[in-house]
C-alpha atoms as a PDB file:
ATOM      1  CA  MET A   1       3.719 -94.384  18.941  1.00  0.00           C
ATOM      2  CA  ASP A   2       5.466 -91.678  20.983  1.00  0.00           C
ATOM      3  CA  PRO A   3       5.212 -91.929  24.764  1.00  0.00           C
ATOM      4  CA  ALA A   4       3.412 -89.157  26.580  1.00  0.00           C
ATOM      5  CA  PRO A   5       5.654 -86.342  27.815  1.00  0.00           C
ATOM      6  CA  PRO A   6       6.414 -86.385  31.524  1.00  0.00           C
ATOM      7  CA  LEU A   7       4.119 -84.317  33.720  1.00  0.00           C
ATOM      8  CA  ASP A   8       6.408 -81.607  35.084  1.00  0.00           C
ATOM      9  CA  GLY A   9       3.653 -79.154  35.946  1.00  0.00           C
ATOM     10  CA  PRO A  10       1.837 -76.455  34.018  1.00  0.00           C
ATOM     11  CA  THR A  11       3.496 -74.859  31.040  1.00  0.00           C
ATOM     12  CA  ASP A  12       3.935 -71.114  30.626  1.00  0.00           C
ATOM     13  CA  ALA A  13       0.947 -71.055  28.264  1.00  0.00           C
ATOM     14  CA  GLN A  14      -1.232 -72.848  30.835  1.00  0.00           C
ATOM     15  CA  ARG A  15      -0.153 -70.473  33.601  1.00  0.00           C
ATOM     16  CA  ASP A  16      -0.869 -67.495  31.339  1.00  0.00           C
ATOM     17  CA  HIS A  17      -4.290 -68.915  30.477  1.00  0.00           C
ATOM     18  CA  ASP A  18      -5.098 -69.511  34.161  1.00  0.00           C
ATOM     19  CA  ALA A  19      -4.050 -65.952  35.000  1.00  0.00           C
ATOM     20  CA  GLN A  20      -6.315 -64.579  32.262  1.00  0.00           C
ATOM     21  CA  VAL A  21      -9.245 -66.674  33.475  1.00  0.00           C
ATOM     22  CA  ASP A  22      -8.680 -65.432  37.041  1.00  0.00           C
ATOM     23  CA  ARG A  23      -8.580 -61.819  35.808  1.00  0.00           C
ATOM     24  CA  LEU A  24     -11.806 -62.325  33.859  1.00  0.00           C
ATOM     25  CA  ALA A  25     -13.497 -63.844  36.925  1.00  0.00           C
ATOM     26  CA  GLN A  26     -12.415 -60.850  39.024  1.00  0.00           C
ATOM     27  CA  GLN A  27     -13.754 -58.394  36.454  1.00  0.00           C
ATOM     28  CA  MET A  28     -17.078 -60.251  36.163  1.00  0.00           C
ATOM     29  CA  SER A  29     -17.405 -60.251  39.949  1.00  0.00           C
ATOM     30  CA  LEU A  30     -16.735 -56.508  40.041  1.00  0.00           C
ATOM     31  CA  LEU A  31     -19.304 -55.893  37.293  1.00  0.00           C
ATOM     32  CA  LEU A  32     -21.968 -57.879  39.152  1.00  0.00           C
ATOM     33  CA  ARG A  33     -21.251 -56.128  42.461  1.00  0.00           C
ATOM     34  CA  ARG A  34     -21.547 -52.721  40.797  1.00  0.00           C
ATOM     35  CA  SER A  35     -24.732 -53.761  39.025  1.00  0.00           C
ATOM     36  CA  ARG A  36     -26.337 -54.887  42.307  1.00  0.00           C
ATOM     37  CA  SER A  37     -25.228 -51.668  43.986  1.00  0.00           C
ATOM     38  CA  PHE A  38     -26.700 -49.615  41.151  1.00  0.00           C
ATOM     39  CA  ALA A  39     -29.998 -51.503  41.348  1.00  0.00           C
ATOM     40  CA  ARG A  40     -30.208 -51.060  45.134  1.00  0.00           C
ATOM     41  CA  THR A  41     -29.481 -47.341  44.854  1.00  0.00           C
ATOM     42  CA  PHE A  42     -32.085 -46.644  42.199  1.00  0.00           C
ATOM     43  CA  ALA A  43     -34.678 -48.982  43.701  1.00  0.00           C
ATOM     44  CA  GLY A  44     -34.465 -46.939  46.909  1.00  0.00           C
ATOM     45  CA  GLN A  45     -35.054 -43.769  44.912  1.00  0.00           C
ATOM     46  CA  VAL A  46     -38.210 -45.207  43.350  1.00  0.00           C
ATOM     47  CA  HIS A  47     -39.583 -46.199  46.754  1.00  0.00           C
ATOM     48  CA  PRO A  48     -37.904 -47.197  50.019  1.00  0.00           C
ATOM     49  CA  ASP A  49     -39.700 -50.567  50.050  1.00  0.00           C
ATOM     50  CA  VAL A  50     -38.766 -51.544  46.481  1.00  0.00           C
ATOM     51  CA  GLU A  51     -36.194 -54.331  46.388  1.00  0.00           C
ATOM     52  CA  ALA A  52     -33.376 -54.375  43.859  1.00  0.00           C
ATOM     53  CA  GLY A  53     -34.849 -57.412  42.085  1.00  0.00           C
ATOM     54  CA  ALA A  54     -38.203 -55.693  41.696  1.00  0.00           C
ATOM     55  CA  TYR A  55     -36.457 -52.624  40.297  1.00  0.00           C
ATOM     56  CA  ALA A  56     -34.796 -54.834  37.687  1.00  0.00           C
ATOM     57  CA  VAL A  57     -38.236 -56.111  36.658  1.00  0.00           C
ATOM     58  CA  LEU A  58     -39.505 -52.533  36.421  1.00  0.00           C
ATOM     59  CA  LEU A  59     -36.617 -51.675  34.104  1.00  0.00           C
ATOM     60  CA  VAL A  60     -37.608 -54.511  31.792  1.00  0.00           C
ATOM     61  CA  ILE A  61     -41.342 -53.826  31.654  1.00  0.00           C
ATOM     62  CA  ALA A  62     -41.269 -50.007  31.687  1.00  0.00           C
ATOM     63  CA  PRO A  63     -40.445 -49.634  27.971  1.00  0.00           C
ATOM     64  CA  ALA A  64     -43.507 -51.740  27.092  1.00  0.00           C
ATOM     65  CA  GLY A  65     -45.850 -49.108  28.518  1.00  0.00           C
ATOM     66  CA  PRO A  66     -49.256 -49.872  29.983  1.00  0.00           C
ATOM     67  CA  LEU A  67     -50.216 -53.522  29.740  1.00  0.00           C
ATOM     68  CA  ARG A  68     -53.260 -55.536  30.655  1.00  0.00           C
ATOM     69  CA  LEU A  69     -52.957 -58.889  32.314  1.00  0.00           C
ATOM     70  CA  TRP A  70     -54.844 -61.516  30.379  1.00  0.00           C
ATOM     71  CA  ILE A  71     -55.179 -64.924  31.976  1.00  0.00           C
ATOM     72  CA  TRP A  72     -55.706 -67.902  29.719  1.00  0.00           C
ATOM     73  CA  PRO A  73     -59.006 -69.499  30.671  1.00  0.00           C
ATOM     74  CA  THR A  74     -58.839 -72.934  32.259  1.00  0.00           C
ATOM     75  CA  SER A  75     -60.838 -75.811  30.903  1.00  0.00           C
ATOM     76  CA  SER A  76     -63.352 -75.488  33.782  1.00  0.00           C
ATOM     77  CA  ALA A  77     -63.921 -71.818  32.879  1.00  0.00           C
ATOM     78  CA  TRP A  78     -64.705 -72.802  29.283  1.00  0.00           C
ATOM     79  CA  THR A  79     -67.128 -75.509  30.278  1.00  0.00           C
ATOM     80  CA  SER A  80     -68.985 -73.311  32.786  1.00  0.00           C
ATOM     81  CA  ARG A  81     -69.561 -70.576  30.166  1.00  0.00           C
ATOM     82  CA  ARG A  82     -71.028 -72.882  27.538  1.00  0.00           C
END
């Protein structure tokens, strides 16, 4: 069985991989910052009191159109109606 190679530090391939991972992390961070900025900007245009998170919810439910909220009856509601 061959002995393990000595640990001299990261190889060129490992350094390249680490650099690529760092670049990806920077780009993801930039994307998320821009997305939050976009949401804050447009939420303020909808209404000054609308938070960015609420605007994101509006973007998801708006294509569904008008909806009615239906609450599943609890067991006590079923027994009281019988």
